Amino acid sequence: MINISCRVLLKEDLDDIYEVWFKSGIELKKKGRDSRKNLMRQMDLPNTRFIGAFNDEKMLGVVLATHDGRKGWINRISTLPEFQKHGIALRLIDEAEEWLKKENIEVFSALIYEDNMPSIALFEKANYKYIKNIHYFVKKVFEEV
């Protein structure tokens, strides 16, 4: 069994965040929202928390929790492939929800691509309800953002 601890991530953790995202297959937008400059700016926002799961000093997983004052969002959840299926992602969801509750947020959401079956299964296991009649629209200032 792996001993997991979680903590808020700092700017000094960016290289480890990138490593977890890259190894877990998250598509990085390094010219846009995932650039070092943008992630450092996001880490300073009061409505944003990057949370990491660790075994000793080794980062095993990451989640980004945000809110708009009404609804919370769980984004970019990822676990190193060799540590998947150990409950780390569920622990990260719990940590994100706890922070959102402290922010007086009572609705938690996640957007998941329809072919991302592992994430769909994860959020179902975390008791999230699938709402099939919602359509998601997006507009980007430039494509790589």
N, C-alpha and C. Protein backbone atom coordinates (compact mmCIF):
# COMPACT_ATOMS: atom_id res chain seq x y z
N MET A 1 0.84 -1.19 0.00
CA MET A 1 0.00 0.00 0.00
C MET A 1 0.88 1.25 0.00
N ILE A 2 0.46 2.25 -0.74
CA ILE A 2 1.21 3.49 -0.88
C ILE A 2 0.71 4.49 0.16
N ASN A 3 1.64 5.12 0.87
CA ASN A 3 1.30 6.17 1.82
C ASN A 3 1.20 7.48 1.06
N ILE A 4 0.00 8.06 1.00
CA ILE A 4 -0.25 9.27 0.21
C ILE A 4 -0.51 10.45 1.13
N SER A 5 0.15 11.55 0.83
CA SER A 5 -0.17 12.83 1.47
C SER A 5 -0.46 13.83 0.37
N CYS A 6 -1.28 14.82 0.67
CA CYS A 6 -1.65 15.83 -0.32
C CYS A 6 -1.33 17.20 0.23
N ARG A 7 -1.00 18.10 -0.69
CA ARG A 7 -0.75 19.48 -0.29
C ARG A 7 -0.98 20.40 -1.47
N VAL A 8 -1.15 21.68 -1.16
CA VAL A 8 -1.26 22.70 -2.19
C VAL A 8 0.09 22.82 -2.89
N LEU A 9 0.05 22.90 -4.20
CA LEU A 9 1.28 22.99 -4.97
C LEU A 9 1.73 24.44 -5.12
N LEU A 10 3.03 24.59 -5.24
CA LEU A 10 3.66 25.90 -5.34
C LEU A 10 4.33 26.06 -6.70
N LYS A 11 4.75 27.25 -6.99
CA LYS A 11 5.43 27.51 -8.26
C LYS A 11 6.67 26.63 -8.42
N GLU A 12 7.31 26.32 -7.31
CA GLU A 12 8.50 25.46 -7.36
C GLU A 12 8.16 24.03 -7.80
N ASP A 13 6.88 23.68 -7.80
CA ASP A 13 6.44 22.34 -8.17
C ASP A 13 6.12 22.21 -9.66
N LEU A 14 6.27 23.28 -10.42
CA LEU A 14 5.83 23.26 -11.82
C LEU A 14 6.48 22.16 -12.65
N ASP A 15 7.76 21.91 -12.49
CA ASP A 15 8.41 20.85 -13.27
C ASP A 15 7.78 19.49 -12.97
N ASP A 16 7.46 19.24 -11.71
CA ASP A 16 6.83 17.97 -11.34
C ASP A 16 5.40 17.90 -11.87
N ILE A 17 4.69 19.02 -11.88
CA ILE A 17 3.34 19.05 -12.45
C ILE A 17 3.40 18.68 -13.93
N TYR A 18 4.31 19.33 -14.65
CA TYR A 18 4.48 19.01 -16.07
C TYR A 18 4.82 17.54 -16.28
N GLU A 19 5.67 16.99 -15.43
CA GLU A 19 6.05 15.58 -15.57
C GLU A 19 4.84 14.67 -15.40
N VAL A 20 4.03 14.92 -14.38
CA VAL A 20 2.84 14.10 -14.15
C VAL A 20 1.87 14.24 -15.32
N TRP A 21 1.62 15.46 -15.75
CA TRP A 21 0.70 15.67 -16.87
C TRP A 21 1.21 14.98 -18.14
N PHE A 22 2.49 15.15 -18.44
CA PHE A 22 3.05 14.55 -19.65
C PHE A 22 2.97 13.03 -19.60
N LYS A 23 3.43 12.45 -18.50
CA LYS A 23 3.46 10.99 -18.40
C LYS A 23 2.06 10.38 -18.35
N SER A 24 1.09 11.13 -17.84
CA SER A 24 -0.27 10.59 -17.76
C SER A 24 -1.07 10.84 -19.04
N GLY A 25 -0.47 11.55 -19.99
CA GLY A 25 -1.12 11.73 -21.29
C GLY A 25 -1.99 12.96 -21.42
N ILE A 26 -1.93 13.87 -20.47
CA ILE A 26 -2.72 15.09 -20.60
C ILE A 26 -2.13 15.95 -21.71
N GLU A 27 -3.00 16.43 -22.58
CA GLU A 27 -2.56 17.30 -23.68
C GLU A 27 -2.18 18.65 -23.10
N LEU A 28 -0.93 19.00 -23.25
CA LEU A 28 -0.42 20.26 -22.71
C LEU A 28 -0.57 21.37 -23.73
N LYS A 29 -1.06 22.51 -23.25
CA LYS A 29 -1.18 23.72 -24.06
C LYS A 29 -0.08 24.67 -23.60
N LYS A 30 1.18 24.32 -23.91
CA LYS A 30 2.34 25.05 -23.38
C LYS A 30 2.50 26.44 -24.00
N LYS A 31 1.80 26.74 -25.09
CA LYS A 31 1.83 28.09 -25.65
C LYS A 31 0.64 28.91 -25.16
N GLY A 32 -0.22 28.28 -24.38
CA GLY A 32 -1.43 28.94 -23.90
C GLY A 32 -1.60 28.78 -22.41
N ARG A 33 -2.71 28.20 -22.01
CA ARG A 33 -3.08 28.14 -20.58
C ARG A 33 -2.12 27.31 -19.73
N ASP A 34 -1.35 26.41 -20.34
CA ASP A 34 -0.41 25.59 -19.59
C ASP A 34 1.03 26.11 -19.67
N SER A 35 1.21 27.31 -20.19
CA SER A 35 2.58 27.86 -20.22
C SER A 35 3.02 28.11 -18.78
N ARG A 36 4.30 28.10 -18.57
CA ARG A 36 4.85 28.36 -17.23
C ARG A 36 4.33 29.70 -16.69
N LYS A 37 4.35 30.71 -17.53
CA LYS A 37 3.88 32.05 -17.13
C LYS A 37 2.41 32.01 -16.71
N ASN A 38 1.57 31.35 -17.49
CA ASN A 38 0.14 31.29 -17.16
C ASN A 38 -0.12 30.45 -15.91
N LEU A 39 0.58 29.33 -15.77
CA LEU A 39 0.37 28.51 -14.56
C LEU A 39 0.81 29.27 -13.31
N MET A 40 1.90 30.00 -13.39
CA MET A 40 2.36 30.79 -12.24
C MET A 40 1.32 31.87 -11.88
N ARG A 41 0.74 32.49 -12.90
CA ARG A 41 -0.31 33.48 -12.66
C ARG A 41 -1.53 32.82 -12.03
N GLN A 42 -1.91 31.66 -12.54
CA GLN A 42 -3.08 30.95 -12.02
C GLN A 42 -2.87 30.55 -10.56
N MET A 43 -1.66 30.18 -10.20
CA MET A 43 -1.38 29.77 -8.83
C MET A 43 -1.58 30.91 -7.83
N ASP A 44 -1.52 32.14 -8.30
CA ASP A 44 -1.73 33.30 -7.43
C ASP A 44 -3.20 33.69 -7.29
N LEU A 45 -4.07 33.09 -8.09
CA LEU A 45 -5.49 33.45 -8.03
C LEU A 45 -6.15 32.89 -6.78
N PRO A 46 -6.99 33.66 -6.11
CA PRO A 46 -7.63 33.18 -4.88
C PRO A 46 -8.67 32.08 -5.10
N ASN A 47 -9.17 31.95 -6.33
CA ASN A 47 -10.20 30.95 -6.61
C ASN A 47 -9.65 29.71 -7.31
N THR A 48 -8.35 29.48 -7.15
CA THR A 48 -7.67 28.38 -7.84
C THR A 48 -6.72 27.67 -6.87
N ARG A 49 -6.75 26.34 -6.90
CA ARG A 49 -5.81 25.55 -6.12
C ARG A 49 -5.28 24.41 -6.98
N PHE A 50 -3.98 24.31 -7.04
CA PHE A 50 -3.31 23.14 -7.60
C PHE A 50 -2.98 22.27 -6.40
N ILE A 51 -3.39 21.03 -6.43
CA ILE A 51 -3.18 20.11 -5.31
C ILE A 51 -2.42 18.90 -5.84
N GLY A 52 -1.41 18.49 -5.08
CA GLY A 52 -0.63 17.34 -5.47
C GLY A 52 -0.74 16.21 -4.47
N ALA A 53 -0.63 15.00 -4.98
CA ALA A 53 -0.59 13.80 -4.15
C ALA A 53 0.85 13.29 -4.18
N PHE A 54 1.37 12.96 -3.01
CA PHE A 54 2.77 12.59 -2.88
C PHE A 54 2.93 11.28 -2.11
N ASN A 55 3.97 10.56 -2.47
CA ASN A 55 4.50 9.49 -1.66
C ASN A 55 5.89 9.95 -1.28
N ASP A 56 6.07 10.26 0.00
CA ASP A 56 7.28 10.93 0.45
C ASP A 56 7.41 12.24 -0.34
N GLU A 57 8.49 12.43 -1.07
CA GLU A 57 8.68 13.66 -1.85
C GLU A 57 8.29 13.50 -3.31
N LYS A 58 7.88 12.31 -3.72
CA LYS A 58 7.56 12.02 -5.11
C LYS A 58 6.12 12.39 -5.43
N MET A 59 5.94 13.32 -6.38
CA MET A 59 4.59 13.69 -6.81
C MET A 59 4.03 12.57 -7.68
N LEU A 60 2.87 12.07 -7.29
CA LEU A 60 2.23 10.97 -8.00
C LEU A 60 1.02 11.42 -8.80
N GLY A 61 0.42 12.53 -8.37
CA GLY A 61 -0.80 12.99 -9.04
C GLY A 61 -1.04 14.46 -8.80
N VAL A 62 -1.89 15.02 -9.66
CA VAL A 62 -2.20 16.45 -9.62
C VAL A 62 -3.68 16.65 -9.92
N VAL A 63 -4.26 17.67 -9.30
CA VAL A 63 -5.59 18.13 -9.67
C VAL A 63 -5.60 19.65 -9.58
N LEU A 64 -6.39 20.27 -10.44
CA LEU A 64 -6.59 21.71 -10.42
C LEU A 64 -8.04 21.94 -10.05
N ALA A 65 -8.27 22.65 -8.95
CA ALA A 65 -9.62 22.98 -8.51
C ALA A 65 -9.81 24.49 -8.66
N THR A 66 -10.93 24.89 -9.26
CA THR A 66 -11.24 26.30 -9.44
C THR A 66 -12.71 26.52 -9.14
N HIS A 67 -13.07 27.78 -8.96
CA HIS A 67 -14.48 28.10 -8.83
C HIS A 67 -14.74 29.52 -9.31
N ASP A 68 -16.00 29.76 -9.63
CA ASP A 68 -16.40 31.08 -10.08
C ASP A 68 -17.26 31.80 -9.04
N GLY A 69 -17.25 31.28 -7.82
CA GLY A 69 -18.08 31.84 -6.76
C GLY A 69 -19.42 31.13 -6.62
N ARG A 70 -19.81 30.37 -7.63
CA ARG A 70 -21.08 29.63 -7.62
C ARG A 70 -20.88 28.14 -7.78
N LYS A 71 -19.99 27.77 -8.67
CA LYS A 71 -19.78 26.36 -9.00
C LYS A 71 -18.29 26.07 -8.99
N GLY A 72 -17.95 24.88 -8.51
CA GLY A 72 -16.56 24.44 -8.51
C GLY A 72 -16.26 23.54 -9.69
N TRP A 73 -15.02 23.59 -10.12
CA TRP A 73 -14.59 22.78 -11.25
C TRP A 73 -13.36 21.98 -10.87
N ILE A 74 -13.36 20.73 -11.25
CA ILE A 74 -12.22 19.85 -11.04
C ILE A 74 -11.62 19.57 -12.41
N ASN A 75 -10.38 20.01 -12.57
CA ASN A 75 -9.72 20.00 -13.87
C ASN A 75 -8.38 19.29 -13.80
N ARG A 76 -7.93 18.82 -14.96
CA ARG A 76 -6.55 18.36 -15.16
C ARG A 76 -6.12 17.31 -14.15
N ILE A 77 -7.06 16.48 -13.73
CA ILE A 77 -6.71 15.44 -12.75
C ILE A 77 -5.89 14.36 -13.47
N SER A 78 -4.80 14.00 -12.85
CA SER A 78 -3.91 13.03 -13.48
C SER A 78 -3.06 12.32 -12.43
N THR A 79 -2.70 11.10 -12.76
CA THR A 79 -1.84 10.28 -11.89
C THR A 79 -0.80 9.61 -12.77
N LEU A 80 0.42 9.52 -12.26
CA LEU A 80 1.45 8.81 -13.01
C LEU A 80 0.93 7.40 -13.35
N PRO A 81 1.15 6.95 -14.57
CA PRO A 81 0.60 5.65 -14.99
C PRO A 81 0.92 4.50 -14.05
N GLU A 82 2.15 4.43 -13.54
CA GLU A 82 2.53 3.30 -12.68
C GLU A 82 1.87 3.35 -11.31
N PHE A 83 1.18 4.45 -10.98
CA PHE A 83 0.49 4.57 -9.70
C PHE A 83 -1.03 4.67 -9.86
N GLN A 84 -1.53 4.46 -11.07
CA GLN A 84 -2.97 4.46 -11.27
C GLN A 84 -3.57 3.21 -10.65
N LYS A 85 -4.84 3.29 -10.35
CA LYS A 85 -5.59 2.18 -9.73
C LYS A 85 -5.21 1.96 -8.27
N HIS A 86 -4.70 3.02 -7.62
CA HIS A 86 -4.37 2.95 -6.20
C HIS A 86 -5.19 3.94 -5.38
N GLY A 87 -6.24 4.53 -5.97
CA GLY A 87 -7.10 5.46 -5.24
C GLY A 87 -6.56 6.89 -5.16
N ILE A 88 -5.47 7.17 -5.86
CA ILE A 88 -4.88 8.50 -5.78
C ILE A 88 -5.79 9.56 -6.39
N ALA A 89 -6.36 9.27 -7.55
CA ALA A 89 -7.25 10.25 -8.20
C ALA A 89 -8.49 10.52 -7.34
N LEU A 90 -9.04 9.48 -6.72
CA LEU A 90 -10.18 9.69 -5.82
C LEU A 90 -9.78 10.57 -4.63
N ARG A 91 -8.60 10.34 -4.12
CA ARG A 91 -8.10 11.17 -3.01
C ARG A 91 -7.96 12.62 -3.46
N LEU A 92 -7.47 12.83 -4.68
CA LEU A 92 -7.34 14.19 -5.19
C LEU A 92 -8.70 14.86 -5.38
N ILE A 93 -9.69 14.11 -5.84
CA ILE A 93 -11.05 14.66 -5.94
C ILE A 93 -11.54 15.07 -4.56
N ASP A 94 -11.34 14.21 -3.56
CA ASP A 94 -11.74 14.53 -2.18
C ASP A 94 -11.07 15.81 -1.69
N GLU A 95 -9.78 15.93 -1.94
CA GLU A 95 -9.03 17.13 -1.52
C GLU A 95 -9.57 18.38 -2.21
N ALA A 96 -9.84 18.27 -3.51
CA ALA A 96 -10.39 19.41 -4.26
C ALA A 96 -11.77 19.79 -3.70
N GLU A 97 -12.61 18.80 -3.44
CA GLU A 97 -13.94 19.07 -2.90
C GLU A 97 -13.86 19.73 -1.52
N GLU A 98 -12.95 19.27 -0.69
CA GLU A 98 -12.80 19.86 0.64
C GLU A 98 -12.40 21.33 0.55
N TRP A 99 -11.48 21.65 -0.33
CA TRP A 99 -11.10 23.05 -0.50
C TRP A 99 -12.28 23.87 -1.02
N LEU A 100 -13.00 23.31 -2.00
CA LEU A 100 -14.17 24.03 -2.54
C LEU A 100 -15.23 24.27 -1.46
N LYS A 101 -15.46 23.29 -0.60
CA LYS A 101 -16.41 23.47 0.49
C LYS A 101 -15.97 24.61 1.41
N LYS A 102 -14.67 24.70 1.70
CA LYS A 102 -14.16 25.80 2.53
C LYS A 102 -14.38 27.15 1.86
N GLU A 103 -14.48 27.14 0.54
CA GLU A 103 -14.75 28.35 -0.24
C GLU A 103 -16.26 28.60 -0.38
N ASN A 104 -17.07 27.82 0.35
CA ASN A 104 -18.53 27.91 0.31
C ASN A 104 -19.13 27.54 -1.05
N ILE A 105 -18.48 26.64 -1.73
CA ILE A 105 -18.96 26.13 -3.01
C ILE A 105 -19.63 24.78 -2.72
N GLU A 106 -20.83 24.61 -3.25
CA GLU A 106 -21.59 23.39 -2.96
C GLU A 106 -21.92 22.57 -4.20
N VAL A 107 -21.50 23.02 -5.37
CA VAL A 107 -21.70 22.28 -6.61
C VAL A 107 -20.33 22.04 -7.23
N PHE A 108 -20.02 20.78 -7.51
CA PHE A 108 -18.73 20.41 -8.09
C PHE A 108 -18.97 19.82 -9.47
N SER A 109 -18.16 20.20 -10.43
CA SER A 109 -18.34 19.76 -11.82
C SER A 109 -17.02 19.37 -12.45
N ALA A 110 -17.14 18.60 -13.51
CA ALA A 110 -15.98 18.23 -14.32
C ALA A 110 -16.45 18.08 -15.76
N LEU A 111 -15.65 18.57 -16.69
CA LEU A 111 -15.90 18.36 -18.11
C LEU A 111 -14.96 17.26 -18.58
N ILE A 112 -15.54 16.24 -19.25
CA ILE A 112 -14.75 15.09 -19.67
C ILE A 112 -15.11 14.77 -21.12
N TYR A 113 -14.10 14.57 -21.95
CA TYR A 113 -14.37 14.15 -23.33
C TYR A 113 -15.04 12.78 -23.32
N GLU A 114 -15.99 12.59 -24.26
CA GLU A 114 -16.80 11.38 -24.27
C GLU A 114 -16.01 10.10 -24.47
N ASP A 115 -14.81 10.18 -25.04
CA ASP A 115 -14.01 8.97 -25.23
C ASP A 115 -13.01 8.73 -24.11
N ASN A 116 -13.04 9.55 -23.08
CA ASN A 116 -12.11 9.39 -21.94
C ASN A 116 -12.76 8.50 -20.88
N MET A 117 -12.83 7.24 -21.19
CA MET A 117 -13.52 6.29 -20.32
C MET A 117 -12.91 6.17 -18.93
N PRO A 118 -11.58 6.22 -18.77
CA PRO A 118 -11.04 6.17 -17.40
C PRO A 118 -11.52 7.33 -16.52
N SER A 119 -11.58 8.54 -17.08
CA SER A 119 -12.06 9.68 -16.29
C SER A 119 -13.55 9.58 -16.01
N ILE A 120 -14.31 9.11 -16.98
CA ILE A 120 -15.75 8.92 -16.76
C ILE A 120 -15.97 7.92 -15.62
N ALA A 121 -15.26 6.82 -15.66
CA ALA A 121 -15.37 5.80 -14.60
C ALA A 121 -14.95 6.38 -13.25
N LEU A 122 -13.89 7.18 -13.24
CA LEU A 122 -13.42 7.80 -12.00
C LEU A 122 -14.49 8.68 -11.38
N PHE A 123 -15.08 9.55 -12.16
CA PHE A 123 -16.07 10.47 -11.60
C PHE A 123 -17.37 9.75 -11.23
N GLU A 124 -17.72 8.70 -11.95
CA GLU A 124 -18.86 7.88 -11.53
C GLU A 124 -18.57 7.24 -10.18
N LYS A 125 -17.35 6.74 -10.00
CA LYS A 125 -16.96 6.12 -8.73
C LYS A 125 -16.99 7.14 -7.59
N ALA A 126 -16.74 8.42 -7.92
CA ALA A 126 -16.76 9.50 -6.93
C ALA A 126 -18.17 10.06 -6.75
N ASN A 127 -19.17 9.38 -7.30
CA ASN A 127 -20.59 9.73 -7.14
C ASN A 127 -21.00 11.00 -7.86
N TYR A 128 -20.34 11.30 -8.98
CA TYR A 128 -20.77 12.41 -9.82
C TYR A 128 -21.85 11.91 -10.76
N LYS A 129 -22.83 12.76 -11.02
CA LYS A 129 -23.96 12.41 -11.88
C LYS A 129 -23.67 12.90 -13.29
N TYR A 130 -23.84 12.02 -14.26
CA TYR A 130 -23.68 12.36 -15.67
C TYR A 130 -24.95 13.06 -16.16
N ILE A 131 -24.78 14.23 -16.74
CA ILE A 131 -25.92 14.97 -17.29
C ILE A 131 -25.72 15.03 -18.80
N LYS A 132 -26.50 14.25 -19.52
CA LYS A 132 -26.26 14.09 -20.95
C LYS A 132 -26.87 15.18 -21.81
N ASN A 133 -27.73 16.01 -21.26
CA ASN A 133 -28.38 17.02 -22.09
C ASN A 133 -27.74 18.40 -22.01
N ILE A 134 -26.47 18.44 -21.65
CA ILE A 134 -25.73 19.70 -21.62
C ILE A 134 -24.81 19.75 -22.82
N HIS A 135 -24.78 20.88 -23.48
CA HIS A 135 -23.87 21.10 -24.60
C HIS A 135 -22.84 22.13 -24.17
N TYR A 136 -21.61 21.83 -24.45
CA TYR A 136 -20.50 22.69 -24.05
C TYR A 136 -20.04 23.50 -25.25
N PHE A 137 -19.97 24.80 -25.10
CA PHE A 137 -19.48 25.69 -26.14
C PHE A 137 -18.19 26.32 -25.66
N VAL A 138 -17.29 26.58 -26.60
CA VAL A 138 -16.02 27.20 -26.25
C VAL A 138 -15.64 28.19 -27.35
N LYS A 139 -15.02 29.26 -26.94
CA LYS A 139 -14.47 30.24 -27.88
C LYS A 139 -13.07 30.58 -27.39
N LYS A 140 -12.09 30.49 -28.28
CA LYS A 140 -10.70 30.72 -27.90
C LYS A 140 -10.15 31.96 -28.61
N VAL A 141 -9.32 32.70 -27.90
CA VAL A 141 -8.66 33.85 -28.49
C VAL A 141 -7.71 33.38 -29.59
N PHE A 142 -7.00 32.27 -29.35
CA PHE A 142 -6.21 31.59 -30.38
C PHE A 142 -6.22 30.10 -30.05
N GLU A 143 -6.07 29.28 -31.07
CA GLU A 143 -6.29 27.83 -30.95
C GLU A 143 -5.44 27.15 -29.89
N GLU A 144 -4.21 27.58 -29.69
CA GLU A 144 -3.32 26.88 -28.76
C GLU A 144 -3.49 27.31 -27.30
N VAL A 145 -4.45 28.15 -27.03
CA VAL A 145 -4.68 28.58 -25.66
C VAL A 145 -5.32 27.45 -24.89
